[in-house]
Amino acid sequence: MFTKLLEYLKDHQIKYTPSDKYFKIEFEAERMPDKIDDGEEDGKHEEPLQAVESVLGKIEIQKVNETMICVDFSRKAGSSWLFYEKFNFIQKDLAELSDAKYEPTF
């Protein structure tokens, strides 16, 4: 599972840092906001610079028992919406690996 998560992050150009001692990965994702159409023709008005939306998160794999593991996703800082989107993409892409269940902890 750990190597599949690393491959997924690498394939989707998400910056990540794996832990040397534990099954933990810190990741950082960014997204530029969409261009706003203000009804003016291009070139007449220069758009102000917009902030980049970013999130810093952590993925931790924990052993539950001999046949089960827990993959914990947590947001450390940044956009909660971007974190939610990244979590959903990872969950959907890796769902075929096992009989995973999603259990929110809030």
N, C-alpha and C. Protein backbone atom coordinates (compact mmCIF):
# COMPACT_ATOMS: atom_id res chain seq x y z
N MET A 1 0.83 -1.19 0.00
CA MET A 1 0.00 0.00 0.00
C MET A 1 0.88 1.26 0.00
N PHE A 2 1.94 1.25 0.80
CA PHE A 2 2.82 2.42 0.91
C PHE A 2 3.42 2.77 -0.46
N THR A 3 3.92 1.75 -1.17
CA THR A 3 4.52 2.02 -2.48
C THR A 3 3.48 2.49 -3.49
N LYS A 4 2.25 1.96 -3.39
CA LYS A 4 1.19 2.41 -4.30
C LYS A 4 0.85 3.88 -4.06
N LEU A 5 0.82 4.29 -2.79
CA LEU A 5 0.57 5.70 -2.48
C LEU A 5 1.68 6.59 -3.03
N LEU A 6 2.93 6.16 -2.87
CA LEU A 6 4.05 6.94 -3.41
C LEU A 6 3.98 7.05 -4.93
N GLU A 7 3.64 5.94 -5.58
CA GLU A 7 3.50 5.96 -7.05
C GLU A 7 2.38 6.90 -7.48
N TYR A 8 1.26 6.86 -6.76
CA TYR A 8 0.13 7.72 -7.09
C TYR A 8 0.53 9.19 -6.99
N LEU A 9 1.16 9.56 -5.89
CA LEU A 9 1.57 10.96 -5.69
C LEU A 9 2.56 11.40 -6.76
N LYS A 10 3.50 10.53 -7.10
CA LYS A 10 4.48 10.85 -8.13
C LYS A 10 3.82 11.01 -9.50
N ASP A 11 2.92 10.08 -9.84
CA ASP A 11 2.23 10.12 -11.14
C ASP A 11 1.36 11.37 -11.30
N HIS A 12 0.84 11.91 -10.20
CA HIS A 12 -0.04 13.07 -10.25
C HIS A 12 0.67 14.38 -9.88
N GLN A 13 2.00 14.36 -9.93
CA GLN A 13 2.83 15.54 -9.68
C GLN A 13 2.49 16.23 -8.36
N ILE A 14 2.28 15.44 -7.33
CA ILE A 14 2.04 15.97 -5.99
C ILE A 14 3.34 15.83 -5.21
N LYS A 15 3.84 16.93 -4.68
CA LYS A 15 5.08 16.91 -3.92
C LYS A 15 4.88 16.10 -2.65
N TYR A 16 5.83 15.22 -2.34
CA TYR A 16 5.70 14.39 -1.15
C TYR A 16 7.06 14.14 -0.50
N THR A 17 7.02 13.83 0.78
CA THR A 17 8.21 13.49 1.54
C THR A 17 7.89 12.28 2.42
N PRO A 18 8.46 11.11 2.09
CA PRO A 18 8.20 9.94 2.93
C PRO A 18 9.08 9.98 4.18
N SER A 19 8.59 9.40 5.26
CA SER A 19 9.35 9.30 6.49
C SER A 19 10.41 8.20 6.37
N ASP A 20 11.55 8.39 7.00
CA ASP A 20 12.60 7.37 6.98
C ASP A 20 12.32 6.23 7.96
N LYS A 21 11.58 6.52 9.03
CA LYS A 21 11.38 5.54 10.10
C LYS A 21 10.00 4.91 10.13
N TYR A 22 8.98 5.64 9.66
CA TYR A 22 7.60 5.19 9.81
C TYR A 22 6.92 5.15 8.45
N PHE A 23 5.76 4.56 8.40
CA PHE A 23 4.96 4.54 7.17
C PHE A 23 4.11 5.80 7.12
N LYS A 24 4.79 6.94 6.96
CA LYS A 24 4.13 8.24 6.88
C LYS A 24 4.63 8.99 5.65
N ILE A 25 3.73 9.74 5.07
CA ILE A 25 4.06 10.57 3.91
C ILE A 25 3.45 11.94 4.14
N GLU A 26 4.25 12.97 4.03
CA GLU A 26 3.71 14.33 4.01
C GLU A 26 3.62 14.75 2.56
N PHE A 27 2.53 15.41 2.21
CA PHE A 27 2.38 15.84 0.82
C PHE A 27 1.90 17.29 0.77
N GLU A 28 2.21 17.92 -0.36
CA GLU A 28 1.79 19.30 -0.60
C GLU A 28 1.25 19.39 -2.01
N ALA A 29 0.05 19.91 -2.13
CA ALA A 29 -0.59 20.07 -3.44
C ALA A 29 -0.98 21.53 -3.61
N GLU A 30 -0.90 21.99 -4.85
CA GLU A 30 -1.26 23.37 -5.16
C GLU A 30 -2.19 23.40 -6.36
N ARG A 31 -2.95 24.49 -6.43
CA ARG A 31 -3.85 24.69 -7.57
C ARG A 31 -3.98 26.19 -7.80
N MET A 32 -3.85 26.57 -9.06
CA MET A 32 -4.07 27.96 -9.42
C MET A 32 -5.57 28.16 -9.60
N PRO A 33 -6.10 29.28 -9.12
CA PRO A 33 -7.53 29.53 -9.33
C PRO A 33 -7.83 29.73 -10.81
N ASP A 34 -9.06 29.40 -11.19
CA ASP A 34 -9.47 29.58 -12.58
C ASP A 34 -9.49 31.06 -12.93
N LYS A 35 -9.26 31.36 -14.21
CA LYS A 35 -9.32 32.73 -14.68
C LYS A 35 -10.75 33.24 -14.58
N ILE A 36 -10.90 34.42 -14.05
CA ILE A 36 -12.22 35.01 -13.89
C ILE A 36 -12.57 35.81 -15.15
N ASP A 37 -13.73 35.52 -15.71
CA ASP A 37 -14.18 36.25 -16.89
C ASP A 37 -14.98 37.46 -16.41
N ASP A 38 -14.38 38.65 -16.60
CA ASP A 38 -15.05 39.86 -16.13
C ASP A 38 -15.85 40.56 -17.23
N GLY A 39 -15.99 39.91 -18.39
CA GLY A 39 -16.77 40.49 -19.48
C GLY A 39 -15.98 41.43 -20.37
N GLU A 40 -14.77 41.73 -20.00
CA GLU A 40 -13.93 42.63 -20.80
C GLU A 40 -13.11 41.79 -21.77
N GLU A 41 -12.72 42.42 -22.87
CA GLU A 41 -11.87 41.74 -23.83
C GLU A 41 -10.47 41.59 -23.26
N ASP A 42 -9.77 40.55 -23.71
CA ASP A 42 -8.41 40.32 -23.24
C ASP A 42 -7.50 41.47 -23.65
N GLY A 43 -6.58 41.82 -22.77
CA GLY A 43 -5.62 42.86 -23.08
C GLY A 43 -6.00 44.24 -22.60
N LYS A 44 -7.26 44.51 -22.35
CA LYS A 44 -7.68 45.84 -21.91
C LYS A 44 -7.37 46.06 -20.44
N HIS A 45 -7.61 45.04 -19.61
CA HIS A 45 -7.36 45.16 -18.18
C HIS A 45 -6.44 44.04 -17.74
N GLU A 46 -5.48 44.39 -16.95
CA GLU A 46 -4.59 43.38 -16.41
C GLU A 46 -5.19 42.85 -15.12
N GLU A 47 -5.32 41.54 -15.02
CA GLU A 47 -5.90 40.94 -13.82
C GLU A 47 -4.91 41.01 -12.66
N PRO A 48 -5.39 41.26 -11.47
CA PRO A 48 -4.48 41.22 -10.32
C PRO A 48 -4.01 39.80 -10.07
N LEU A 49 -2.83 39.66 -9.48
CA LEU A 49 -2.32 38.34 -9.17
C LEU A 49 -3.22 37.66 -8.14
N GLN A 50 -3.50 36.39 -8.37
CA GLN A 50 -4.35 35.65 -7.46
C GLN A 50 -3.51 34.66 -6.66
N ALA A 51 -3.89 34.43 -5.45
CA ALA A 51 -3.16 33.52 -4.59
C ALA A 51 -3.34 32.08 -5.06
N VAL A 52 -2.31 31.30 -4.86
CA VAL A 52 -2.36 29.89 -5.18
C VAL A 52 -3.03 29.17 -4.01
N GLU A 53 -3.97 28.29 -4.32
CA GLU A 53 -4.61 27.48 -3.28
C GLU A 53 -3.70 26.28 -3.01
N SER A 54 -3.38 26.03 -1.74
CA SER A 54 -2.48 24.93 -1.42
C SER A 54 -2.95 24.20 -0.17
N VAL A 55 -2.43 22.99 -0.02
CA VAL A 55 -2.75 22.18 1.15
C VAL A 55 -1.51 21.37 1.53
N LEU A 56 -1.30 21.21 2.81
CA LEU A 56 -0.26 20.36 3.35
C LEU A 56 -0.95 19.26 4.13
N GLY A 57 -0.68 18.02 3.78
CA GLY A 57 -1.37 16.91 4.41
C GLY A 57 -0.42 15.79 4.80
N LYS A 58 -0.98 14.81 5.48
CA LYS A 58 -0.20 13.66 5.93
C LYS A 58 -1.00 12.39 5.69
N ILE A 59 -0.30 11.36 5.25
CA ILE A 59 -0.88 10.03 5.09
C ILE A 59 -0.07 9.10 5.99
N GLU A 60 -0.77 8.37 6.84
CA GLU A 60 -0.09 7.47 7.77
C GLU A 60 -0.73 6.08 7.69
N ILE A 61 0.10 5.06 7.57
CA ILE A 61 -0.39 3.69 7.52
C ILE A 61 -0.11 3.04 8.86
N GLN A 62 -1.16 2.47 9.45
CA GLN A 62 -1.04 1.84 10.76
C GLN A 62 -1.57 0.41 10.68
N LYS A 63 -0.94 -0.48 11.41
CA LYS A 63 -1.38 -1.86 11.46
C LYS A 63 -2.49 -2.00 12.50
N VAL A 64 -3.61 -2.56 12.11
CA VAL A 64 -4.74 -2.78 13.02
C VAL A 64 -4.62 -4.17 13.62
N ASN A 65 -4.48 -5.17 12.76
CA ASN A 65 -4.25 -6.55 13.20
C ASN A 65 -3.51 -7.26 12.08
N GLU A 66 -3.44 -8.57 12.13
CA GLU A 66 -2.67 -9.32 11.14
C GLU A 66 -3.21 -9.23 9.72
N THR A 67 -4.48 -8.93 9.57
CA THR A 67 -5.09 -8.91 8.24
C THR A 67 -5.61 -7.54 7.82
N MET A 68 -5.43 -6.52 8.67
CA MET A 68 -6.04 -5.23 8.37
C MET A 68 -5.07 -4.08 8.69
N ILE A 69 -5.09 -3.07 7.81
CA ILE A 69 -4.33 -1.85 8.06
C ILE A 69 -5.29 -0.66 8.01
N CYS A 70 -4.84 0.44 8.59
CA CYS A 70 -5.60 1.69 8.56
C CYS A 70 -4.75 2.72 7.83
N VAL A 71 -5.34 3.39 6.86
CA VAL A 71 -4.66 4.48 6.15
C VAL A 71 -5.34 5.77 6.58
N ASP A 72 -4.61 6.58 7.33
CA ASP A 72 -5.14 7.80 7.91
C ASP A 72 -4.69 9.00 7.08
N PHE A 73 -5.65 9.77 6.56
CA PHE A 73 -5.37 10.99 5.82
C PHE A 73 -5.73 12.17 6.72
N SER A 74 -4.81 13.11 6.87
CA SER A 74 -5.12 14.29 7.69
C SER A 74 -4.54 15.54 7.04
N ARG A 75 -5.27 16.63 7.19
CA ARG A 75 -4.85 17.93 6.67
C ARG A 75 -4.11 18.65 7.78
N LYS A 76 -2.88 19.08 7.48
CA LYS A 76 -2.08 19.79 8.48
C LYS A 76 -2.26 21.31 8.35
N ALA A 77 -2.41 21.78 7.13
CA ALA A 77 -2.58 23.22 6.90
C ALA A 77 -3.12 23.43 5.49
N GLY A 78 -3.68 24.61 5.27
CA GLY A 78 -4.12 24.97 3.94
C GLY A 78 -5.59 24.73 3.68
N SER A 79 -5.91 24.65 2.41
CA SER A 79 -7.29 24.58 1.93
C SER A 79 -7.95 23.25 2.26
N SER A 80 -9.04 23.30 3.00
CA SER A 80 -9.77 22.07 3.31
C SER A 80 -10.46 21.51 2.07
N TRP A 81 -10.89 22.38 1.16
CA TRP A 81 -11.55 21.92 -0.05
C TRP A 81 -10.57 21.18 -0.95
N LEU A 82 -9.37 21.71 -1.11
CA LEU A 82 -8.36 21.05 -1.94
C LEU A 82 -7.96 19.72 -1.31
N PHE A 83 -7.86 19.66 0.02
CA PHE A 83 -7.56 18.40 0.70
C PHE A 83 -8.65 17.37 0.42
N TYR A 84 -9.90 17.79 0.53
CA TYR A 84 -11.03 16.90 0.29
C TYR A 84 -10.99 16.35 -1.15
N GLU A 85 -10.68 17.20 -2.12
CA GLU A 85 -10.59 16.76 -3.51
C GLU A 85 -9.48 15.74 -3.70
N LYS A 86 -8.30 16.02 -3.16
CA LYS A 86 -7.16 15.10 -3.29
C LYS A 86 -7.46 13.77 -2.61
N PHE A 87 -8.07 13.82 -1.43
CA PHE A 87 -8.43 12.59 -0.72
C PHE A 87 -9.38 11.75 -1.56
N ASN A 88 -10.40 12.39 -2.13
CA ASN A 88 -11.37 11.65 -2.95
C ASN A 88 -10.72 11.03 -4.18
N PHE A 89 -9.80 11.76 -4.83
CA PHE A 89 -9.11 11.21 -6.00
C PHE A 89 -8.29 9.99 -5.61
N ILE A 90 -7.55 10.08 -4.51
CA ILE A 90 -6.72 8.96 -4.06
C ILE A 90 -7.61 7.78 -3.69
N GLN A 91 -8.67 8.03 -2.96
CA GLN A 91 -9.58 6.97 -2.52
C GLN A 91 -10.17 6.23 -3.72
N LYS A 92 -10.60 6.96 -4.74
CA LYS A 92 -11.21 6.33 -5.91
C LYS A 92 -10.18 5.53 -6.71
N ASP A 93 -8.99 6.10 -6.90
CA ASP A 93 -7.97 5.43 -7.71
C ASP A 93 -7.41 4.18 -7.04
N LEU A 94 -7.37 4.15 -5.72
CA LEU A 94 -6.78 3.02 -5.02
C LEU A 94 -7.83 2.07 -4.44
N ALA A 95 -9.08 2.29 -4.74
CA ALA A 95 -10.16 1.47 -4.17
C ALA A 95 -10.06 0.00 -4.58
N GLU A 96 -9.52 -0.26 -5.76
CA GLU A 96 -9.47 -1.65 -6.23
C GLU A 96 -8.39 -2.48 -5.53
N LEU A 97 -7.55 -1.85 -4.72
CA LEU A 97 -6.48 -2.60 -4.04
C LEU A 97 -7.01 -3.54 -2.97
N SER A 98 -8.08 -3.18 -2.35
CA SER A 98 -8.58 -4.02 -1.26
C SER A 98 -10.05 -3.73 -1.00
N ASP A 99 -10.54 -4.29 0.08
CA ASP A 99 -11.92 -4.05 0.49
C ASP A 99 -11.98 -2.90 1.48
N ALA A 100 -11.44 -1.77 1.06
CA ALA A 100 -11.32 -0.60 1.92
C ALA A 100 -12.68 -0.03 2.29
N LYS A 101 -12.74 0.51 3.49
CA LYS A 101 -13.94 1.19 3.96
C LYS A 101 -13.54 2.59 4.39
N TYR A 102 -14.39 3.53 4.10
CA TYR A 102 -14.16 4.92 4.49
C TYR A 102 -14.95 5.21 5.75
N GLU A 103 -14.26 5.67 6.77
CA GLU A 103 -14.91 6.02 8.02
C GLU A 103 -14.45 7.41 8.45
N PRO A 104 -15.30 8.43 8.30
CA PRO A 104 -14.91 9.78 8.72
C PRO A 104 -14.75 9.84 10.24
N THR A 105 -13.82 10.70 10.69
CA THR A 105 -13.55 10.80 12.13
C THR A 105 -13.89 12.17 12.68
N PHE A 106 -14.92 12.78 12.13
CA PHE A 106 -15.29 14.10 12.65
C PHE A 106 -16.67 14.10 13.22
